[in-house]
């Protein structure tokens, strides 16, 4: 969440019961690409085994970035 907010992104993040993390992020393509690049390492102490990305059209659905 902190990185998304730092980049000015909007959307949400949640931890799933299987240990994966799901994110929906909206913003400029440049900032979203920075976020995707960062996600391959994640925050300190995170263990990232794989990153899957589904690109969707920008819909301007969110007003902030939250944890759900």
N, C-alpha and C. Protein backbone atom coordinates (compact mmCIF):
# COMPACT_ATOMS: atom_id res chain seq x y z
N UNK A 1 0.82 -1.18 0.00
CA UNK A 1 0.00 0.00 0.00
C UNK A 1 0.87 1.26 0.00
N UNK A 2 1.92 1.25 0.79
CA UNK A 2 2.77 2.43 0.88
C UNK A 2 3.39 2.78 -0.47
N UNK A 3 3.88 1.77 -1.19
CA UNK A 3 4.51 2.02 -2.49
C UNK A 3 3.49 2.55 -3.48
N UNK A 4 2.29 1.98 -3.49
CA UNK A 4 1.24 2.44 -4.39
C UNK A 4 0.90 3.90 -4.11
N UNK A 5 0.77 4.24 -2.84
CA UNK A 5 0.46 5.62 -2.47
C UNK A 5 1.61 6.56 -2.85
N UNK A 6 2.84 6.09 -2.63
CA UNK A 6 4.01 6.89 -3.00
C UNK A 6 4.01 7.22 -4.49
N UNK A 7 3.53 6.28 -5.31
CA UNK A 7 3.49 6.47 -6.75
C UNK A 7 2.22 7.17 -7.23
N UNK A 8 1.32 7.48 -6.30
CA UNK A 8 0.08 8.17 -6.66
C UNK A 8 -0.97 7.28 -7.30
N UNK A 9 -0.87 5.98 -7.03
CA UNK A 9 -1.83 5.05 -7.61
C UNK A 9 -3.10 4.97 -6.76
N UNK A 10 -4.16 4.52 -7.38
CA UNK A 10 -5.43 4.31 -6.70
C UNK A 10 -5.86 2.87 -6.95
N UNK A 11 -6.61 2.30 -5.99
CA UNK A 11 -7.07 0.93 -6.12
C UNK A 11 -7.07 0.25 -4.78
N UNK A 12 -6.69 -1.02 -4.76
CA UNK A 12 -6.69 -1.77 -3.50
C UNK A 12 -5.69 -2.92 -3.53
N UNK A 13 -5.43 -3.43 -2.33
CA UNK A 13 -4.56 -4.59 -2.14
C UNK A 13 -5.18 -5.47 -1.06
N UNK A 14 -5.02 -6.78 -1.21
CA UNK A 14 -5.48 -7.70 -0.16
C UNK A 14 -4.60 -8.93 -0.13
N UNK A 15 -4.46 -9.47 1.08
CA UNK A 15 -3.78 -10.74 1.28
C UNK A 15 -4.81 -11.84 1.17
N UNK A 16 -4.54 -12.83 0.36
CA UNK A 16 -5.45 -13.95 0.17
C UNK A 16 -5.10 -15.09 1.13
N UNK A 17 -6.08 -15.95 1.46
CA UNK A 17 -5.83 -17.06 2.40
C UNK A 17 -4.69 -17.99 1.98
N UNK A 18 -4.43 -18.09 0.68
CA UNK A 18 -3.36 -18.98 0.20
C UNK A 18 -1.97 -18.35 0.29
N UNK A 19 -1.88 -17.12 0.83
CA UNK A 19 -0.59 -16.45 0.98
C UNK A 19 -0.25 -15.52 -0.16
N UNK A 20 -1.05 -15.53 -1.20
CA UNK A 20 -0.81 -14.62 -2.32
C UNK A 20 -1.35 -13.23 -1.98
N UNK A 21 -0.94 -12.27 -2.77
CA UNK A 21 -1.40 -10.89 -2.60
C UNK A 21 -2.03 -10.47 -3.92
N UNK A 22 -3.20 -9.87 -3.84
CA UNK A 22 -3.91 -9.41 -5.03
C UNK A 22 -3.98 -7.89 -4.99
N UNK A 23 -3.72 -7.27 -6.14
CA UNK A 23 -3.69 -5.82 -6.23
C UNK A 23 -4.45 -5.37 -7.47
N UNK A 24 -5.23 -4.32 -7.32
CA UNK A 24 -5.80 -3.59 -8.45
C UNK A 24 -5.24 -2.18 -8.33
N UNK A 25 -4.55 -1.72 -9.35
CA UNK A 25 -3.91 -0.41 -9.30
C UNK A 25 -4.23 0.39 -10.54
N UNK A 26 -4.65 1.63 -10.34
CA UNK A 26 -4.93 2.56 -11.44
C UNK A 26 -4.01 3.77 -11.31
N UNK A 27 -3.61 4.29 -12.44
CA UNK A 27 -2.78 5.48 -12.48
C UNK A 27 -2.18 5.61 -13.86
N UNK A 28 -1.20 6.50 -13.96
CA UNK A 28 -0.54 6.65 -15.25
C UNK A 28 0.20 5.36 -15.59
N UNK A 29 0.34 5.08 -16.87
CA UNK A 29 1.01 3.84 -17.26
C UNK A 29 2.44 3.81 -16.74
N UNK A 30 3.10 4.95 -16.70
CA UNK A 30 4.47 5.02 -16.19
C UNK A 30 4.51 4.61 -14.71
N UNK A 31 3.61 5.13 -13.91
CA UNK A 31 3.60 4.82 -12.47
C UNK A 31 3.18 3.38 -12.22
N UNK A 32 2.22 2.87 -12.99
CA UNK A 32 1.81 1.46 -12.83
C UNK A 32 2.97 0.56 -13.21
N UNK A 33 3.70 0.88 -14.25
CA UNK A 33 4.85 0.06 -14.64
C UNK A 33 5.93 0.08 -13.56
N UNK A 34 6.14 1.23 -12.93
CA UNK A 34 7.09 1.30 -11.80
C UNK A 34 6.63 0.39 -10.67
N UNK A 35 5.33 0.40 -10.39
CA UNK A 35 4.78 -0.45 -9.33
C UNK A 35 4.96 -1.92 -9.66
N UNK A 36 4.71 -2.30 -10.90
CA UNK A 36 4.89 -3.69 -11.33
C UNK A 36 6.35 -4.09 -11.17
N UNK A 37 7.27 -3.25 -11.59
CA UNK A 37 8.70 -3.55 -11.44
C UNK A 37 9.06 -3.73 -9.98
N UNK A 38 8.57 -2.86 -9.12
CA UNK A 38 8.83 -2.94 -7.68
C UNK A 38 8.25 -4.23 -7.10
N UNK A 39 7.09 -4.67 -7.60
CA UNK A 39 6.41 -5.82 -7.02
C UNK A 39 7.20 -7.12 -7.18
N UNK A 40 8.12 -7.17 -8.10
CA UNK A 40 8.93 -8.38 -8.27
C UNK A 40 9.84 -8.62 -7.06
N UNK A 41 10.12 -7.58 -6.30
CA UNK A 41 10.89 -7.73 -5.06
C UNK A 41 10.03 -7.54 -3.83
N UNK A 42 9.02 -6.68 -3.96
CA UNK A 42 8.10 -6.44 -2.85
C UNK A 42 8.73 -5.65 -1.72
N UNK A 43 7.98 -5.48 -0.65
CA UNK A 43 8.51 -4.75 0.50
C UNK A 43 9.55 -5.57 1.25
N UNK A 44 10.25 -4.92 2.14
CA UNK A 44 11.27 -5.59 2.95
C UNK A 44 10.65 -6.78 3.65
N UNK A 45 11.35 -7.87 3.72
CA UNK A 45 10.96 -9.13 4.36
C UNK A 45 9.95 -9.94 3.53
N UNK A 46 9.55 -9.46 2.37
CA UNK A 46 8.62 -10.22 1.53
C UNK A 46 9.38 -11.30 0.76
N UNK A 47 8.69 -12.37 0.46
CA UNK A 47 9.21 -13.42 -0.40
C UNK A 47 8.29 -13.46 -1.62
N UNK A 48 8.82 -13.08 -2.78
CA UNK A 48 8.03 -13.05 -4.00
C UNK A 48 8.50 -14.19 -4.90
N UNK A 49 7.61 -15.14 -5.15
CA UNK A 49 7.94 -16.27 -6.01
C UNK A 49 7.56 -16.04 -7.45
N UNK A 50 6.48 -15.27 -7.66
CA UNK A 50 6.03 -15.02 -9.03
C UNK A 50 5.08 -13.83 -9.01
N UNK A 51 5.04 -13.14 -10.13
CA UNK A 51 4.13 -12.01 -10.32
C UNK A 51 3.32 -12.29 -11.57
N UNK A 52 2.01 -12.29 -11.44
CA UNK A 52 1.11 -12.46 -12.58
C UNK A 52 0.40 -11.14 -12.82
N UNK A 53 0.32 -10.73 -14.06
CA UNK A 53 -0.27 -9.43 -14.39
C UNK A 53 -1.38 -9.61 -15.41
N UNK A 54 -2.51 -9.01 -15.14
CA UNK A 54 -3.62 -8.93 -16.08
C UNK A 54 -3.87 -7.46 -16.34
N UNK A 55 -3.51 -6.97 -17.52
CA UNK A 55 -3.73 -5.57 -17.86
C UNK A 55 -5.17 -5.38 -18.29
N UNK A 56 -5.81 -4.36 -17.78
CA UNK A 56 -7.19 -4.05 -18.13
C UNK A 56 -7.29 -2.58 -18.49
N UNK A 57 -8.33 -2.18 -19.20
CA UNK A 57 -8.48 -0.77 -19.55
C UNK A 57 -8.64 0.10 -18.29
N UNK A 58 -8.10 1.31 -18.37
CA UNK A 58 -8.22 2.27 -17.27
C UNK A 58 -9.67 2.73 -17.17
N UNK A 59 -10.27 2.57 -15.98
CA UNK A 59 -11.67 2.92 -15.79
C UNK A 59 -11.89 4.08 -14.81
N UNK A 60 -10.84 4.52 -14.15
CA UNK A 60 -10.95 5.61 -13.16
C UNK A 60 -12.03 5.29 -12.12
N UNK A 61 -11.95 4.10 -11.54
CA UNK A 61 -12.94 3.62 -10.59
C UNK A 61 -12.67 4.01 -9.14
N UNK A 62 -11.45 4.33 -8.80
CA UNK A 62 -11.06 4.49 -7.39
C UNK A 62 -10.62 5.92 -7.09
N UNK A 63 -10.82 6.29 -5.82
CA UNK A 63 -10.43 7.64 -5.39
C UNK A 63 -9.21 7.63 -4.49
N UNK A 64 -8.83 6.44 -4.00
CA UNK A 64 -7.67 6.29 -3.12
C UNK A 64 -7.15 4.87 -3.22
N UNK A 65 -6.07 4.59 -2.50
CA UNK A 65 -5.54 3.22 -2.46
C UNK A 65 -5.78 2.70 -1.05
N UNK A 66 -6.44 1.52 -0.96
CA UNK A 66 -6.82 0.99 0.34
C UNK A 66 -6.45 -0.48 0.48
N UNK A 67 -6.51 -0.97 1.71
CA UNK A 67 -6.39 -2.39 2.00
C UNK A 67 -7.80 -2.92 2.18
N UNK A 68 -8.12 -4.00 1.48
CA UNK A 68 -9.45 -4.61 1.61
C UNK A 68 -9.36 -5.99 2.23
